[in-house]
Amino acid sequence: MRHTISVLVENKFGVLARVSGMFSGRGFNIDSLNVAPTHDASLSRITAVLKGDDSSLDLCIKQLRKLVNVVEVVDFKDGQAVARELVLVRVKADAKTRSELLQIKDIFRAKIVHLSMDSIIMEATGDDEKVSALLGLLEPFGILELARTGRLALKR
């Protein structure tokens, strides 16, 4: 089962290693991991999407809360959070395919952030399904490169 965990931590050296070590030590596979400072520069938010069972997750959350630099731990259940993902994708684009790629861009409300003679770089945000659907439509054109943030989430 997939779980989205938000961990508010003190912005100090080694905290990310301890938190991610806690996940792997409990047998969780980390699908995505995002870390960035919050509006308070002394704090960072770690958003992790994990695969594992519920009983292991409960134990993991209890142990995370015991870590010295952890301020808050939240396990988002379905519908409790607003979650988004960002993707940058470079796609082959020639004169024949460019107009079709622009139509796909419009459907997904993506943005063109770079355009060259042989490729387009698009930026898109949305939930996991939207980003995956966009990538599925772009695949036949030839995805040359992509970077995907993984899930970011905030409590509703």
Protein backbone atom coordinates (compact mmCIF):
# COMPACT_ATOMS: atom_id res chain seq x y z
CA MET A 1 0.00 0.00 0.00
CA ARG A 2 1.22 3.53 -0.79
CA HIS A 3 1.45 6.10 2.00
CA THR A 4 2.21 9.82 1.85
CA ILE A 5 4.10 11.04 4.90
CA SER A 6 4.95 14.65 5.75
CA VAL A 7 7.74 15.18 8.26
CA LEU A 8 8.52 18.68 9.53
CA VAL A 9 12.12 18.72 10.72
CA GLU A 10 14.73 21.14 11.96
CA ASN A 11 16.88 22.28 9.05
CA LYS A 12 20.11 20.70 10.28
CA PHE A 13 22.88 18.51 8.92
CA GLY A 14 22.14 14.76 8.88
CA VAL A 15 18.39 14.92 9.56
CA LEU A 16 17.41 13.67 6.10
CA ALA A 17 19.79 10.70 6.43
CA ARG A 18 18.26 9.72 9.77
CA VAL A 19 14.68 10.03 8.50
CA SER A 20 15.29 8.12 5.26
CA GLY A 21 17.27 5.53 7.22
CA MET A 22 14.26 5.06 9.47
CA PHE A 23 12.08 4.34 6.42
CA SER A 24 14.46 1.81 4.92
CA GLY A 25 15.14 0.23 8.31
CA ARG A 26 11.43 -0.50 8.65
CA GLY A 27 11.27 -2.16 5.23
CA PHE A 28 9.65 0.65 3.26
CA ASN A 29 10.49 1.27 -0.36
CA ILE A 30 10.67 5.03 -0.95
CA ASP A 31 8.78 5.85 -4.18
CA SER A 32 9.53 9.56 -3.97
CA LEU A 33 11.25 11.89 -1.54
CA ASN A 34 11.12 15.69 -1.54
CA VAL A 35 12.87 17.98 0.89
CA ALA A 36 12.83 21.77 0.97
CA PRO A 37 12.88 24.60 3.50
CA THR A 38 9.54 25.99 4.66
CA HIS A 39 8.57 29.63 5.15
CA ASP A 40 10.61 29.38 8.38
CA ALA A 41 14.25 28.91 7.31
CA SER A 42 14.99 26.86 10.44
CA LEU A 43 12.53 24.15 9.34
CA SER A 44 12.32 21.83 6.33
CA ARG A 45 9.48 19.63 5.13
CA ILE A 46 10.18 16.09 3.99
CA THR A 47 7.40 14.58 1.87
CA ALA A 48 7.81 10.88 1.22
CA VAL A 49 5.69 8.40 -0.69
CA LEU A 50 6.30 4.93 0.73
CA LYS A 51 5.19 1.40 -0.02
CA GLY A 52 4.55 -0.83 2.97
CA ASP A 53 1.90 -2.26 5.27
CA ASP A 54 -0.11 -0.26 7.81
CA SER A 55 1.31 -1.87 10.95
CA SER A 56 4.90 -1.13 9.89
CA LEU A 57 3.85 2.42 9.05
CA ASP A 58 2.41 3.00 12.53
CA LEU A 59 5.61 1.80 14.17
CA CYS A 60 7.71 3.89 11.79
CA ILE A 61 5.71 7.06 12.58
CA LYS A 62 6.09 6.47 16.32
CA GLN A 63 9.85 6.08 15.91
CA LEU A 64 10.07 9.16 13.66
CA ARG A 65 8.37 11.23 16.35
CA LYS A 66 11.10 10.15 18.80
CA LEU A 67 13.91 11.51 16.63
CA VAL A 68 15.43 14.64 18.14
CA ASN A 69 15.16 16.95 15.11
CA VAL A 70 11.62 15.91 14.11
CA VAL A 71 8.97 18.53 14.89
CA GLU A 72 5.84 16.93 13.38
CA VAL A 73 4.86 13.78 11.47
CA VAL A 74 1.64 13.48 9.47
CA ASP A 75 0.39 10.42 7.57
CA PHE A 76 -2.02 11.68 4.93
CA LYS A 77 -4.99 9.41 4.36
CA ASP A 78 -6.90 9.62 1.07
CA GLY A 79 -8.54 13.02 0.66
CA GLN A 80 -6.79 14.64 3.64
CA ALA A 81 -4.21 16.50 1.59
CA VAL A 82 -3.72 18.53 -1.52
CA ALA A 83 -1.02 16.69 -3.47
CA ARG A 84 0.80 17.75 -6.63
CA GLU A 85 3.76 16.69 -8.69
CA LEU A 86 5.96 18.58 -11.15
CA VAL A 87 7.49 17.12 -14.30
CA LEU A 88 9.91 18.58 -16.83
CA VAL A 89 10.03 16.51 -20.01
CA ARG A 90 12.06 16.90 -23.20
CA VAL A 91 10.22 15.43 -26.21
CA LYS A 92 11.32 14.99 -29.82
CA ALA A 93 9.53 17.58 -31.94
CA ASP A 94 9.85 18.21 -35.64
CA ALA A 95 7.71 20.29 -37.97
CA LYS A 96 5.23 17.42 -38.41
CA THR A 97 4.66 16.62 -34.73
CA ARG A 98 4.97 20.06 -33.14
CA SER A 99 1.31 21.07 -33.58
CA GLU A 100 0.08 17.80 -32.07
CA LEU A 101 2.43 18.26 -29.10
CA LEU A 102 1.08 21.77 -28.60
CA GLN A 103 -2.49 20.39 -28.50
CA ILE A 104 -1.48 17.84 -25.86
CA LYS A 105 0.20 20.66 -23.92
CA ASP A 106 -3.05 22.66 -23.95
CA ILE A 107 -5.16 19.69 -22.83
CA PHE A 108 -2.92 19.15 -19.78
CA ARG A 109 -2.39 22.88 -19.12
CA ALA A 110 1.33 22.34 -19.45
CA LYS A 111 3.82 25.07 -20.36
CA ILE A 112 6.54 25.14 -22.97
CA VAL A 113 9.71 26.22 -21.16
CA HIS A 114 12.15 25.61 -24.01
CA LEU A 115 11.79 25.15 -27.73
CA SER A 116 14.45 24.07 -30.21
CA MET A 117 14.44 22.80 -33.79
CA ASP A 118 14.30 19.14 -32.73
CA SER A 119 12.73 19.13 -29.24
CA ILE A 120 10.35 20.78 -26.78
CA ILE A 121 10.70 20.94 -23.01
CA MET A 122 7.32 20.97 -21.23
CA GLU A 123 6.54 21.70 -17.61
CA ALA A 124 3.40 20.25 -16.05
CA THR A 125 1.95 20.02 -12.57
CA GLY A 126 -0.88 17.92 -11.23
CA ASP A 127 -1.67 14.76 -9.34
CA ASP A 128 0.18 11.51 -10.05
CA GLU A 129 -2.44 10.31 -12.52
CA LYS A 130 -2.41 13.52 -14.58
CA VAL A 131 1.39 13.52 -14.86
CA SER A 132 1.43 9.82 -15.78
CA ALA A 133 -1.30 10.35 -18.40
CA LEU A 134 0.67 13.20 -19.97
CA LEU A 135 3.82 11.08 -20.11
CA GLY A 136 1.84 8.23 -21.64
CA LEU A 137 0.66 10.48 -24.47
CA LEU A 138 4.15 11.90 -25.03
CA GLU A 139 5.87 8.50 -25.11
CA PRO A 140 5.07 7.74 -28.79
CA PHE A 141 6.72 11.04 -29.84
CA GLY A 142 9.94 10.06 -28.09
CA ILE A 143 10.74 11.22 -24.57
CA LEU A 144 14.39 12.21 -24.63
CA GLU A 145 14.74 13.13 -20.96
CA LEU A 146 12.56 13.81 -17.93
CA ALA A 147 12.76 14.94 -14.34
CA ARG A 148 9.84 14.28 -11.99
CA THR A 149 9.62 15.65 -8.46
CA GLY A 150 7.39 13.04 -6.92
CA ARG A 151 4.49 14.00 -4.70
CA LEU A 152 4.34 17.15 -2.59
CA ALA A 153 1.45 17.44 -0.15
CA LEU A 154 -0.09 19.79 2.40
CA LYS A 155 -2.96 19.08 4.75
CA ARG A 156 -6.34 20.45 3.66
